[in-house]
């Protein structure tokens, strides 16, 4: 190999190393402020109560901000909403997937189905997951929200992180998870749908992720 080829190869290796360092350690500060205070604890017939995460849950999750509350109406089942916001998905603080977290907490996943959904004229895919433990079944809706919009898969979340890193954009993101009891023989809980249609505007307004 001649001297010119060695120089070119060495330069390419150095540049690749510098670029890898940039992708891992250079972080763009997110614009906008997060404000879970805009999510009301009452709206119409719905009333809610904030739930505090345990110290252990907080340490495992490693989210920068979280919101957890239980809502219900006089005629509905309880609906739990959980939001975890991460100012960066680098440095080991990536968004945790319910596919991994729930089994780790003793829940058994019965099924997972991707479902097209339209909210406020936005069409996207959400995950519908049936889980159970100790004879109780629950319906879980979840999806991710980043600067590029809604994402329904963990792989898509990784690609989104790479894309934003390459483009020099903020890599913040959030997990949105809605859970409600599921009666015997049922495959869905309409109370979740009514809750999301009512509260999605507040949830999205609380996060600095949508233009």
Protein backbone atom coordinates (compact mmCIF):
# COMPACT_ATOMS: atom_id res chain seq x y z
CA UNK A 1 0.00 0.00 0.00
CA UNK A 2 1.47 3.35 -1.01
CA UNK A 3 1.88 6.38 1.23
CA UNK A 4 -1.09 8.28 -0.27
CA UNK A 5 -3.49 5.37 0.37
CA UNK A 6 -2.25 5.07 3.97
CA UNK A 7 -2.85 8.80 4.57
CA UNK A 8 -6.36 8.63 3.10
CA UNK A 9 -7.26 5.55 5.16
CA UNK A 10 -5.87 7.09 8.34
CA UNK A 11 -7.82 10.31 7.74
CA UNK A 12 -11.01 8.31 7.14
CA UNK A 13 -10.54 6.41 10.40
CA UNK A 14 -9.93 9.63 12.33
CA UNK A 15 -12.99 11.31 10.80
CA UNK A 16 -15.13 8.25 11.56
CA UNK A 17 -13.92 8.31 15.14
CA UNK A 18 -14.66 12.01 15.52
CA UNK A 19 -18.12 11.55 14.02
CA UNK A 20 -18.88 8.65 16.36
CA UNK A 21 -17.76 10.78 19.28
CA UNK A 22 -20.03 13.59 18.10
CA UNK A 23 -23.05 11.30 17.79
CA UNK A 24 -22.51 9.88 21.28
CA UNK A 25 -21.49 12.90 23.32
CA UNK A 26 -22.61 16.11 21.60
CA UNK A 27 -26.16 16.86 22.65
CA UNK A 28 -28.51 19.54 21.33
CA UNK A 29 -30.56 21.13 24.10
CA UNK A 30 -34.30 20.67 23.53
CA UNK A 31 -36.33 23.79 22.83
CA UNK A 32 -39.55 24.46 24.69
CA UNK A 33 -40.60 23.70 28.24
CA UNK A 34 -42.38 20.66 29.64
CA UNK A 35 -45.39 21.45 31.83
CA UNK A 36 -47.51 18.63 33.19
CA UNK A 37 -49.48 21.28 35.06
CA UNK A 38 -51.58 21.84 31.92
CA UNK A 39 -53.08 18.37 32.31
CA UNK A 40 -56.21 18.93 34.44
CA UNK A 41 -57.37 16.57 37.15
CA UNK A 42 -60.97 17.21 36.16
CA UNK A 43 -62.71 17.81 32.85
CA UNK A 44 -66.42 17.21 32.44
CA UNK A 45 -67.31 13.93 34.13
CA UNK A 46 -63.67 12.88 34.36
CA UNK A 47 -61.82 13.35 37.64
CA UNK A 48 -58.31 12.20 38.47
CA UNK A 49 -55.79 11.75 41.22
CA UNK A 50 -52.04 12.01 40.80
CA UNK A 51 -49.99 8.92 41.70
CA UNK A 52 -46.41 9.17 42.94
CA UNK A 53 -43.78 6.79 41.60
CA UNK A 54 -41.73 4.86 44.11
CA UNK A 55 -38.04 5.61 44.53
CA UNK A 56 -37.21 2.26 42.94
CA UNK A 57 -39.42 2.97 39.90
CA UNK A 58 -37.84 6.39 39.48
CA UNK A 59 -34.30 5.00 39.63
CA UNK A 60 -35.04 2.25 37.12
CA UNK A 61 -36.91 4.52 34.70
CA UNK A 62 -34.34 7.35 34.71
CA UNK A 63 -36.77 9.72 33.02
CA UNK A 64 -36.29 13.45 33.47
CA UNK A 65 -39.98 14.07 34.17
CA UNK A 66 -42.98 11.82 34.70
CA UNK A 67 -46.73 12.19 35.09
CA UNK A 68 -48.89 9.44 36.55
CA UNK A 69 -52.56 9.70 37.46
CA UNK A 70 -55.75 7.67 37.68
CA UNK A 71 -58.97 9.02 36.16
CA UNK A 72 -62.56 7.87 36.08
CA UNK A 73 -66.14 9.01 35.56
CA UNK A 74 -69.18 7.87 37.59
CA UNK A 75 -69.90 5.24 34.93
CA UNK A 76 -66.42 4.27 33.70
CA UNK A 77 -63.64 1.98 34.82
CA UNK A 78 -60.46 3.54 36.18
CA UNK A 79 -58.06 4.73 33.49
CA UNK A 80 -54.38 5.15 34.35
CA UNK A 81 -52.26 7.56 32.33
CA UNK A 82 -48.47 7.47 32.51
CA UNK A 83 -46.09 9.78 30.66
CA UNK A 84 -42.30 9.61 30.83
CA UNK A 85 -40.30 12.40 29.21
CA UNK A 86 -36.58 12.15 28.44
CA UNK A 87 -34.61 15.28 27.53
CA UNK A 88 -32.12 13.01 25.75
CA UNK A 89 -32.10 9.43 24.53
CA UNK A 90 -28.31 9.27 24.77
CA UNK A 91 -26.02 8.37 27.70
CA UNK A 92 -28.10 5.36 28.71
CA UNK A 93 -31.29 7.36 29.37
CA UNK A 94 -33.28 5.85 26.53
CA UNK A 95 -37.03 5.41 26.67
CA UNK A 96 -38.05 2.12 28.29
CA UNK A 97 -40.39 -0.11 26.31
CA UNK A 98 -43.49 -1.49 28.08
CA UNK A 99 -42.70 -4.77 26.31
CA UNK A 100 -39.68 -5.07 28.60
CA UNK A 101 -40.74 -3.18 31.72
CA UNK A 102 -44.09 -4.86 32.32
CA UNK A 103 -42.80 -8.48 32.22
CA UNK A 104 -40.00 -7.36 34.52
CA UNK A 105 -42.67 -6.27 37.01
CA UNK A 106 -44.43 -9.63 36.91
CA UNK A 107 -47.01 -8.91 34.21
CA UNK A 108 -47.70 -11.46 31.48
CA UNK A 109 -48.28 -10.10 27.97
CA UNK A 110 -51.19 -11.91 26.35
CA UNK A 111 -51.17 -10.10 23.01
CA UNK A 112 -49.82 -7.06 21.21
CA UNK A 113 -51.54 -5.53 18.20
CA UNK A 114 -50.69 -2.45 16.15
CA UNK A 115 -53.77 -0.37 15.40
CA UNK A 116 -54.25 2.66 13.12
CA UNK A 117 -55.72 5.58 15.02
CA UNK A 118 -56.83 9.11 14.21
CA UNK A 119 -56.72 11.84 16.83
CA UNK A 120 -57.24 15.53 16.13
CA UNK A 121 -56.94 14.83 12.38
CA UNK A 122 -53.60 13.05 12.94
CA UNK A 123 -53.36 9.44 11.77
CA UNK A 124 -50.74 7.18 13.30
CA UNK A 125 -50.20 3.69 14.74
CA UNK A 126 -50.53 2.79 18.40
CA UNK A 127 -49.81 -0.44 20.26
CA UNK A 128 -52.68 -2.24 21.98
CA UNK A 129 -51.46 -4.75 24.52
CA UNK A 130 -53.42 -7.10 26.78
CA UNK A 131 -51.63 -7.96 30.01
CA UNK A 132 -52.62 -9.98 33.04
CA UNK A 133 -51.41 -10.87 36.52
CA UNK A 134 -53.02 -12.73 39.41
CA UNK A 135 -56.23 -13.27 37.46
CA UNK A 136 -56.69 -9.60 36.48
CA UNK A 137 -56.57 -8.45 32.85
CA UNK A 138 -55.76 -4.97 31.59
CA UNK A 139 -55.78 -3.17 28.26
CA UNK A 140 -52.74 -1.02 27.52
CA UNK A 141 -52.43 1.57 24.77
CA UNK A 142 -48.96 2.98 24.22
CA UNK A 143 -46.90 4.91 21.72
CA UNK A 144 -43.88 7.18 21.61
CA UNK A 145 -43.72 10.87 20.73
CA UNK A 146 -40.58 12.62 19.45
CA UNK A 147 -39.71 15.73 17.46
CA UNK A 148 -40.67 13.78 14.34
CA UNK A 149 -44.12 12.75 15.56
CA UNK A 150 -45.66 9.52 16.80
CA UNK A 151 -43.70 6.26 16.70
CA UNK A 152 -45.15 2.81 17.38
CA UNK A 153 -42.07 0.59 17.64
CA UNK A 154 -38.84 0.35 19.59
CA UNK A 155 -36.89 -0.09 16.34
CA UNK A 156 -38.52 3.03 14.93
CA UNK A 157 -37.46 4.87 18.07
CA UNK A 158 -33.83 3.83 17.48
CA UNK A 159 -33.93 5.01 13.87
CA UNK A 160 -35.46 8.29 15.04
CA UNK A 161 -32.59 8.76 17.51
CA UNK A 162 -29.99 8.12 14.78
CA UNK A 163 -31.77 10.47 12.37
CA UNK A 164 -31.97 13.33 14.85
CA UNK A 165 -28.36 12.80 15.93
CA UNK A 166 -27.14 12.91 12.32
CA UNK A 167 -29.16 16.06 11.63
CA UNK A 168 -27.99 17.76 14.81
CA UNK A 169 -31.48 17.86 16.33
CA UNK A 170 -32.63 17.35 19.90
CA UNK A 171 -33.15 13.69 20.81
CA UNK A 172 -35.80 14.16 23.48
CA UNK A 173 -38.90 12.01 23.47
CA UNK A 174 -41.73 10.62 25.55
CA UNK A 175 -43.60 7.42 26.26
CA UNK A 176 -47.37 7.77 26.50
CA UNK A 177 -49.14 4.79 28.13
CA UNK A 178 -52.84 4.46 28.97
CA UNK A 179 -54.12 1.47 30.97
CA UNK A 180 -57.55 0.25 32.09
CA UNK A 181 -59.08 -2.99 33.43
CA UNK A 182 -60.36 -5.46 30.86
CA UNK A 183 -63.43 -7.53 31.65
CA UNK A 184 -63.65 -11.25 30.99
CA UNK A 185 -64.20 -12.06 27.33
CA UNK A 186 -63.52 -8.46 26.18
CA UNK A 187 -60.76 -7.50 23.74
CA UNK A 188 -60.76 -3.75 24.38
CA UNK A 189 -61.91 -1.09 26.83
CA UNK A 190 -63.82 1.84 25.27
CA UNK A 191 -63.18 3.96 28.36
CA UNK A 192 -59.55 4.33 27.23
CA UNK A 193 -60.67 5.62 23.86
CA UNK A 194 -63.00 8.18 25.42
CA UNK A 195 -60.32 9.27 27.85
CA UNK A 196 -57.67 9.75 25.16
CA UNK A 197 -60.06 11.71 22.91
CA UNK A 198 -60.80 13.99 25.86
CA UNK A 199 -57.29 14.43 27.26
CA UNK A 200 -54.92 14.05 24.30
CA UNK A 201 -54.90 17.81 23.69
CA UNK A 202 -53.68 18.35 27.26
CA UNK A 203 -51.11 15.55 27.09
CA UNK A 204 -49.60 16.84 23.86
CA UNK A 205 -49.65 20.46 25.08
CA UNK A 206 -47.64 19.44 28.14
CA UNK A 207 -44.77 18.11 26.01
CA UNK A 208 -42.37 20.31 23.97
CA UNK A 209 -42.39 17.83 21.08
CA UNK A 210 -45.06 18.89 18.58
CA UNK A 211 -44.76 21.94 16.34
